[in-house]
Amino acid sequence: MKMNPLGRTGLMVSELCLGTMTWGTQTPEAEAHAQIDRALAAGVTMLDTAEMYPVNPVSADTIGRTEEVIGTWNARTGRRGDYILATKHSGEGMQHARNGAPISSATIPQAIEGSLKRLRTDWIDLYQFHWPNRGSYQFRKNWTYDPSGIDRAAVIADMEDCLGALQREVDRGTIRHFGLSNESAWGTAQWLRLSDGGKGPRVASVQNEYSLLCRLYDTDMGELSVAEDVGLLAFSPLGAGLLSGKYDGGAVPEGSRMSINPELGGRRTPRSGPAVAAYREIAHRHGLDLVHMALAWCRTRPFMTSAIVGATRFDQLEHALGSVGVTLADEVLAEIDAAHRAHPMPF
């Protein structure tokens, strides 16, 4: 398992990170625990969750359940120190936590205490903000998001307020490092500028969507990542299952994400099918498994810290772990680039 630096924290993390967003609903506790055991045995060193999980769908009755599942594993095994634990603070628009209140110095201590209790741990290695208070381009918002309404002074003041609260938590020992999610280049640059000015902990990573099908990170965010040592934690590296093969031929397996969320959060479009077919053909032509090719390709990106693999079932995790032994030839990479030019934004 290849290891990569987590920003400037001094921590090294595995090229694959274990995602958890279905644990507690689609994935029962016993299977989730088996996934943790298997991932750690395979060399995975990082586990990512969030206070709002599980999803598909998000529900007031289930938020926090995924952290509780991880907490029971921590309590049962006593192995909390064997991996890097990342979780996230929900924010504005995520109505089931604190009535959708924006992230602030008032909500941060409360949210952290709740996560610590559910996770049955004394510390969180990487504490991430799930969504910017001002809004985001992510989750297909890039088609409509209008930044012209930003009040720059108010945004900067809000960031300073949050960084101060985070620093107090670092000083208390409840969190060790800070990360972002669903952020932009401008937003990340402001967090970095403020932390460099002594306002609080430095951003270690950004968790945004990234896959063969979603490459918005390739330009400004990619440059920022490399220049500022703020790596990408890629969520949905298999395009919410579109690159897994399970939906080929119009199949919708029982219990799959598409059976619960038919549009896959806006990813199921008339353009996504041809794009998936193009990548499937490349894999077939070179004798590669499409899942392995998609995850191995993530490893080639200069800004990649770790690709987050979430598996509803144990066999899906086992399959994904096989990608670590795959190296893509230059010819394959060239064909992937050509397919991307032909299908640049399938959703």
Protein backbone atom coordinates (compact mmCIF):
# COMPACT_ATOMS: atom_id res chain seq x y z
CA MET A 1 0.00 0.00 0.00
CA LYS A 2 1.52 3.30 -1.12
CA MET A 3 1.74 5.95 1.60
CA ASN A 4 1.35 9.70 1.08
CA PRO A 5 1.87 12.72 3.35
CA LEU A 6 -1.24 14.28 4.89
CA GLY A 7 -0.43 17.89 4.17
CA ARG A 8 2.23 19.21 6.51
CA THR A 9 0.97 17.27 9.53
CA GLY A 10 3.82 14.77 9.51
CA LEU A 11 1.30 11.94 9.17
CA MET A 12 1.47 9.44 6.31
CA VAL A 13 -1.77 7.93 5.01
CA SER A 14 -2.49 5.01 2.71
CA GLU A 15 -3.44 5.53 -0.93
CA LEU A 16 -6.87 4.08 -0.14
CA CYS A 17 -9.03 5.33 2.73
CA LEU A 18 -11.96 3.35 4.09
CA GLY A 19 -15.24 5.21 3.61
CA THR A 20 -18.19 4.56 5.91
CA MET A 21 -21.24 6.47 4.74
CA THR A 22 -23.54 3.42 4.43
CA TRP A 23 -22.72 1.94 7.82
CA GLY A 24 -25.71 1.61 10.07
CA THR A 25 -28.35 1.42 7.32
CA GLN A 26 -27.30 -0.35 4.11
CA THR A 27 -24.32 -1.92 5.86
CA PRO A 28 -25.03 -3.63 9.20
CA GLU A 29 -22.70 -3.19 12.14
CA ALA A 30 -21.10 -6.66 11.98
CA GLU A 31 -20.19 -6.22 8.33
CA ALA A 32 -18.85 -2.73 8.97
CA HIS A 33 -16.61 -4.10 11.71
CA ALA A 34 -15.38 -6.81 9.35
CA GLN A 35 -14.53 -4.11 6.81
CA ILE A 36 -12.40 -2.25 9.33
CA ASP A 37 -10.56 -5.45 10.22
CA ARG A 38 -9.91 -6.28 6.57
CA ALA A 39 -8.87 -2.77 5.57
CA LEU A 40 -6.35 -2.46 8.40
CA ALA A 41 -4.95 -5.91 7.60
CA ALA A 42 -4.49 -4.80 3.98
CA GLY A 43 -2.52 -1.71 4.99
CA VAL A 44 -5.24 0.94 4.94
CA THR A 45 -4.38 3.47 7.64
CA MET A 46 -7.25 5.96 7.41
CA LEU A 47 -11.00 5.80 8.04
CA ASP A 48 -13.34 8.63 7.02
CA THR A 49 -16.78 9.35 8.43
CA ALA A 50 -19.09 12.26 9.30
CA GLU A 51 -21.61 13.15 11.96
CA MET A 52 -24.40 13.21 9.34
CA TYR A 53 -23.77 9.61 8.17
CA PRO A 54 -25.27 7.24 7.14
CA VAL A 55 -26.67 8.54 3.86
CA ASN A 56 -28.97 7.10 1.17
CA PRO A 57 -30.96 8.79 2.52
CA VAL A 58 -29.87 11.16 5.27
CA SER A 59 -32.46 11.00 8.04
CA ALA A 60 -33.01 12.67 11.38
CA ASP A 61 -33.51 9.18 12.80
CA THR A 62 -30.12 7.87 11.64
CA ILE A 63 -27.59 10.72 11.75
CA GLY A 64 -24.69 9.81 13.98
CA ARG A 65 -25.29 6.09 13.62
CA THR A 66 -22.17 5.53 11.49
CA GLU A 67 -19.97 7.13 14.13
CA GLU A 68 -21.65 4.89 16.70
CA VAL A 69 -20.80 1.80 14.63
CA ILE A 70 -17.16 2.86 14.53
CA GLY A 71 -17.33 3.56 18.25
CA THR A 72 -18.45 0.05 19.08
CA TRP A 73 -15.48 -1.31 17.08
CA ASN A 74 -13.13 1.01 18.96
CA ALA A 75 -14.55 -0.10 22.30
CA ARG A 76 -14.53 -3.80 21.44
CA THR A 77 -11.03 -3.98 19.97
CA GLY A 78 -9.09 -1.30 21.84
CA ARG A 79 -7.37 -0.49 18.52
CA ARG A 80 -8.26 3.19 18.23
CA GLY A 81 -4.56 4.07 17.95
CA ASP A 82 -4.03 1.79 14.95
CA TYR A 83 -5.50 4.14 12.34
CA ILE A 84 -6.07 7.78 11.43
CA LEU A 85 -9.68 8.80 12.11
CA ALA A 86 -11.32 11.58 10.10
CA THR A 87 -14.82 12.92 10.63
CA LYS A 88 -16.78 16.01 9.60
CA HIS A 89 -18.85 18.83 11.06
CA SER A 90 -22.18 19.29 9.27
CA GLY A 91 -23.10 22.83 8.36
CA GLU A 92 -25.67 25.11 6.85
CA GLY A 93 -28.23 23.29 4.74
CA MET A 94 -27.72 19.96 6.51
CA GLN A 95 -30.93 20.33 8.46
CA HIS A 96 -30.74 17.24 10.64
CA ALA A 97 -27.81 18.49 12.73
CA ARG A 98 -28.41 21.54 14.94
CA ASN A 99 -31.32 22.55 12.67
CA GLY A 100 -28.92 23.35 9.86
CA ALA A 101 -26.97 26.00 11.78
CA PRO A 102 -23.83 27.18 9.99
CA ILE A 103 -20.43 26.11 11.31
CA SER A 104 -19.23 28.56 13.95
CA SER A 105 -17.32 28.90 17.20
CA ALA A 106 -20.61 28.10 18.93
CA THR A 107 -21.27 24.83 17.07
CA ILE A 108 -17.73 23.45 16.81
CA PRO A 109 -17.26 22.38 20.47
CA GLN A 110 -20.74 20.87 20.57
CA ALA A 111 -20.24 18.95 17.33
CA ILE A 112 -16.85 17.64 18.39
CA GLU A 113 -18.13 16.45 21.76
CA GLY A 114 -20.96 14.62 20.04
CA SER A 115 -18.60 12.90 17.61
CA LEU A 116 -16.15 11.93 20.36
CA LYS A 117 -18.95 10.37 22.39
CA ARG A 118 -20.33 8.39 19.45
CA LEU A 119 -16.88 7.33 18.27
CA ARG A 120 -15.85 6.35 21.81
CA THR A 121 -12.51 8.07 21.48
CA ASP A 122 -10.66 10.94 23.12
CA TRP A 123 -9.39 12.48 19.91
CA ILE A 124 -10.09 12.97 16.19
CA ASP A 125 -7.03 12.97 13.93
CA LEU A 126 -8.54 15.01 11.08
CA TYR A 127 -11.56 17.22 11.71
CA GLN A 128 -13.16 18.44 8.49
CA PHE A 129 -15.80 21.03 7.65
CA HIS A 130 -18.32 19.19 5.49
CA TRP A 131 -19.54 22.17 3.48
CA PRO A 132 -18.57 25.87 3.31
CA ASN A 133 -21.02 28.18 5.02
CA ARG A 134 -21.13 30.38 1.92
CA GLY A 135 -22.06 27.51 -0.44
CA SER A 136 -20.12 25.35 -2.86
CA TYR A 137 -19.64 24.31 -6.48
CA GLN A 138 -19.77 20.63 -5.52
CA PHE A 139 -22.59 18.10 -6.03
CA ARG A 140 -23.59 19.57 -9.40
CA LYS A 141 -23.89 23.06 -7.91
CA ASN A 142 -21.19 24.08 -10.40
CA TRP A 143 -23.96 24.54 -12.98
CA THR A 144 -25.74 27.20 -10.92
CA TYR A 145 -23.57 28.47 -8.05
CA ASP A 146 -23.19 32.25 -8.20
CA PRO A 147 -20.30 33.68 -6.15
CA SER A 148 -21.28 37.29 -6.82
CA GLY A 149 -23.28 37.41 -3.60
CA ILE A 150 -20.25 36.74 -1.40
CA ASP A 151 -19.60 39.34 1.31
CA ARG A 152 -15.84 38.93 1.50
CA ALA A 153 -15.41 40.65 4.85
CA ALA A 154 -18.14 38.52 6.43
CA VAL A 155 -16.68 35.31 5.00
CA ILE A 156 -13.20 36.13 6.29
CA ALA A 157 -14.57 37.04 9.72
CA ASP A 158 -16.46 33.75 9.80
CA MET A 159 -13.31 31.82 8.90
CA GLU A 160 -11.34 33.57 11.64
CA ASP A 161 -14.06 32.76 14.16
CA CYS A 162 -13.98 29.07 13.19
CA LEU A 163 -10.19 28.84 13.17
CA GLY A 164 -10.05 30.30 16.67
CA ALA A 165 -12.48 27.64 17.90
CA LEU A 166 -10.51 24.90 16.14
CA GLN A 167 -7.28 26.07 17.74
CA ARG A 168 -8.90 25.84 21.16
CA GLU A 169 -9.88 22.25 20.38
CA VAL A 170 -6.35 21.45 19.22
CA ASP A 171 -5.06 22.91 22.48
CA ARG A 172 -7.56 20.76 24.40
CA GLY A 173 -6.40 17.69 22.50
CA THR A 174 -9.82 16.77 21.09
CA ILE A 175 -8.68 17.22 17.48
CA ARG A 176 -5.23 17.13 15.96
CA HIS A 177 -5.55 18.45 12.41
CA PHE A 178 -8.02 20.36 10.24
CA GLY A 179 -9.38 19.60 6.79
CA LEU A 180 -11.96 20.95 4.37
CA SER A 181 -14.59 19.32 2.18
CA ASN A 182 -16.49 20.51 -0.89
CA GLU A 183 -14.27 23.60 -1.02
CA SER A 184 -13.01 25.85 -3.82
CA ALA A 185 -9.57 27.19 -4.66
CA TRP A 186 -10.43 30.68 -3.38
CA GLY A 187 -11.89 29.35 -0.15
CA THR A 188 -8.97 27.03 0.54
CA ALA A 189 -6.54 29.85 -0.17
CA GLN A 190 -8.26 32.06 2.39
CA TRP A 191 -8.13 29.36 5.07
CA LEU A 192 -4.43 28.95 4.32
CA ARG A 193 -3.74 32.68 4.41
CA LEU A 194 -5.43 33.05 7.77
CA SER A 195 -3.68 30.06 9.32
CA ASP A 196 -0.34 31.29 7.99
CA GLY A 197 -1.18 34.54 9.78
CA GLY A 198 -1.56 32.73 13.09
CA LYS A 199 -5.35 32.52 13.23
CA GLY A 200 -5.52 28.76 13.75
CA PRO A 201 -4.57 25.31 12.43
CA ARG A 202 -3.42 24.92 8.84
CA VAL A 203 -5.56 23.08 6.33
CA ALA A 204 -4.12 19.60 5.80
CA SER A 205 -6.44 18.29 3.08
CA VAL A 206 -9.51 18.91 0.96
CA GLN A 207 -12.14 16.21 0.49
CA ASN A 208 -13.85 16.80 -2.85
CA GLU A 209 -15.44 14.51 -5.41
CA TYR A 210 -12.98 13.15 -7.95
CA SER A 211 -13.03 10.28 -10.41
CA LEU A 212 -12.63 9.49 -14.10
CA LEU A 213 -16.12 10.96 -14.43
CA CYS A 214 -15.69 14.05 -12.25
CA ARG A 215 -12.46 15.97 -12.78
CA LEU A 216 -13.31 19.47 -11.59
CA TYR A 217 -10.29 19.28 -9.27
CA ASP A 218 -7.81 19.06 -12.14
CA THR A 219 -7.24 22.79 -12.66
CA ASP A 220 -7.09 25.46 -9.95
CA MET A 221 -7.59 23.09 -7.03
CA GLY A 222 -4.94 20.73 -8.35
CA GLU A 223 -2.42 23.56 -8.62
CA LEU A 224 -3.22 24.77 -5.11
CA SER A 225 -2.89 21.24 -3.70
CA VAL A 226 0.57 20.74 -5.15
CA ALA A 227 1.91 24.22 -4.38
CA GLU A 228 0.55 24.41 -0.84
CA ASP A 229 0.85 20.77 0.32
CA VAL A 230 -2.89 20.38 0.74
CA GLY A 231 -3.70 17.00 -0.78
CA LEU A 232 -6.97 15.68 -2.10
CA LEU A 233 -9.02 13.06 -0.28
CA ALA A 234 -11.14 11.93 -3.21
CA PHE A 235 -14.69 10.87 -2.48
CA SER A 236 -16.74 8.84 -4.97
CA PRO A 237 -13.64 7.71 -6.92
CA LEU A 238 -15.87 5.10 -8.59
CA GLY A 239 -18.50 7.66 -9.58
CA ALA A 240 -21.02 6.53 -6.94
CA GLY A 241 -20.81 3.01 -8.39
CA LEU A 242 -21.09 3.93 -12.08
CA LEU A 243 -17.51 2.72 -12.57
CA SER A 244 -18.07 -0.47 -10.59
CA GLY A 245 -19.90 -2.29 -13.37
CA LYS A 246 -22.90 -3.10 -11.20
CA TYR A 247 -25.18 -0.82 -13.22
CA ASP A 248 -24.06 -2.09 -16.62
CA GLY A 249 -26.85 -2.84 -19.05
CA GLY A 250 -29.35 -0.86 -17.00
CA ALA A 251 -29.12 -3.18 -13.99
CA VAL A 252 -30.21 -1.77 -10.63
CA PRO A 253 -29.21 -4.31 -7.95
CA GLU A 254 -31.44 -4.54 -4.93
CA GLY A 255 -30.01 -2.52 -2.04
CA SER A 256 -27.65 -0.55 -4.28
CA ARG A 257 -27.41 3.22 -4.09
CA MET A 258 -29.30 3.60 -7.36
CA SER A 259 -32.18 1.56 -5.94
CA ILE A 260 -32.49 4.16 -3.18
CA ASN A 261 -31.34 7.28 -5.06
CA PRO A 262 -32.26 6.68 -8.73
CA GLU A 263 -30.40 9.72 -10.07
CA LEU A 264 -27.29 9.11 -7.95
CA GLY A 265 -27.18 12.71 -6.81
CA GLY A 266 -27.26 14.04 -10.35
CA ARG A 267 -24.65 11.62 -11.71
CA ARG A 268 -27.04 9.54 -13.79
CA THR A 269 -27.40 11.56 -16.99
CA PRO A 270 -27.62 10.82 -20.74
CA ARG A 271 -23.89 11.60 -20.92
CA SER A 272 -22.68 9.39 -18.08
CA GLY A 273 -23.51 6.10 -19.80
CA PRO A 274 -21.33 6.75 -22.87
CA ALA A 275 -18.50 8.00 -20.65
CA VAL A 276 -18.58 4.86 -18.52
CA ALA A 277 -18.66 2.76 -21.70
CA ALA A 278 -15.55 4.52 -22.99
CA TYR A 279 -13.59 3.76 -19.82
CA ARG A 280 -14.93 0.21 -19.71
CA GLU A 281 -13.65 -0.34 -23.25
CA ILE A 282 -10.17 0.92 -22.32
CA ALA A 283 -10.05 -1.45 -19.37
CA HIS A 284 -11.28 -4.37 -21.46
CA ARG A 285 -8.79 -3.68 -24.25
CA HIS A 286 -5.88 -3.79 -21.82
CA GLY A 287 -7.10 -6.71 -19.72
CA LEU A 288 -7.85 -4.54 -16.70
CA ASP A 289 -10.67 -4.57 -14.21
CA LEU A 290 -12.51 -1.24 -14.47
CA VAL A 291 -12.62 -0.73 -10.67
CA HIS A 292 -8.90 -1.40 -10.45
CA MET A 293 -8.16 0.90 -13.38
CA ALA A 294 -10.24 3.75 -11.91
CA LEU A 295 -8.56 3.54 -8.50
CA ALA A 296 -5.07 3.00 -9.90
CA TRP A 297 -5.56 6.07 -12.07
CA CYS A 298 -6.36 8.14 -8.97
CA ARG A 299 -2.95 7.14 -7.63
CA THR A 300 -1.24 8.76 -10.64
CA ARG A 301 -2.62 12.23 -9.93
CA PRO A 302 0.00 14.64 -8.54
CA PHE A 303 -2.34 16.07 -5.89
CA MET A 304 -3.80 12.80 -4.60
CA THR A 305 -3.44 11.96 -0.92
CA SER A 306 -5.99 9.15 -0.71
CA ALA A 307 -9.03 7.82 -2.56
CA ILE A 308 -11.94 7.07 -0.25
CA VAL A 309 -13.45 3.68 -1.01
CA GLY A 310 -16.86 3.13 0.50
CA ALA A 311 -18.22 -0.41 0.23
CA THR A 312 -21.76 -1.38 1.08
CA ARG A 313 -20.69 -5.03 1.19
CA PHE A 314 -17.49 -6.79 2.24
CA ASP A 315 -16.86 -8.29 -1.21
CA GLN A 316 -16.89 -4.81 -2.75
CA LEU A 317 -14.12 -3.73 -0.39
CA GLU A 318 -12.15 -6.86 -1.17
CA HIS A 319 -12.46 -6.11 -4.88
CA ALA A 320 -11.32 -2.50 -4.46
CA LEU A 321 -8.28 -3.50 -2.42
CA GLY A 322 -7.02 -5.38 -5.47
CA SER A 323 -6.31 -2.05 -7.16
CA VAL A 324 -3.15 -1.46 -5.14
CA GLY A 325 -1.26 -4.02 -7.21
CA VAL A 326 -2.20 -2.41 -10.52
CA THR A 327 0.10 -0.02 -12.40
CA LEU A 328 -1.22 1.66 -15.52
CA ALA A 329 0.93 1.74 -18.63
CA ASP A 330 1.54 5.02 -20.44
CA GLU A 331 -0.65 3.78 -23.27
CA VAL A 332 -3.56 3.28 -20.89
CA LEU A 333 -3.07 6.74 -19.39
CA ALA A 334 -3.04 8.28 -22.87
CA GLU A 335 -6.28 6.53 -23.77
CA ILE A 336 -7.87 7.71 -20.51
CA ASP A 337 -6.89 11.28 -21.38
CA ALA A 338 -8.45 10.89 -24.83
CA ALA A 339 -11.67 9.54 -23.32
CA HIS A 340 -11.78 12.47 -20.92
CA ARG A 341 -11.51 14.93 -23.81
CA ALA A 342 -14.39 13.14 -25.52
CA HIS A 343 -16.51 13.01 -22.34
CA PRO A 344 -15.27 15.94 -20.22
CA MET A 345 -18.25 16.60 -17.92
CA PRO A 346 -20.70 13.71 -18.07
CA PHE A 347 -22.56 15.09 -15.07
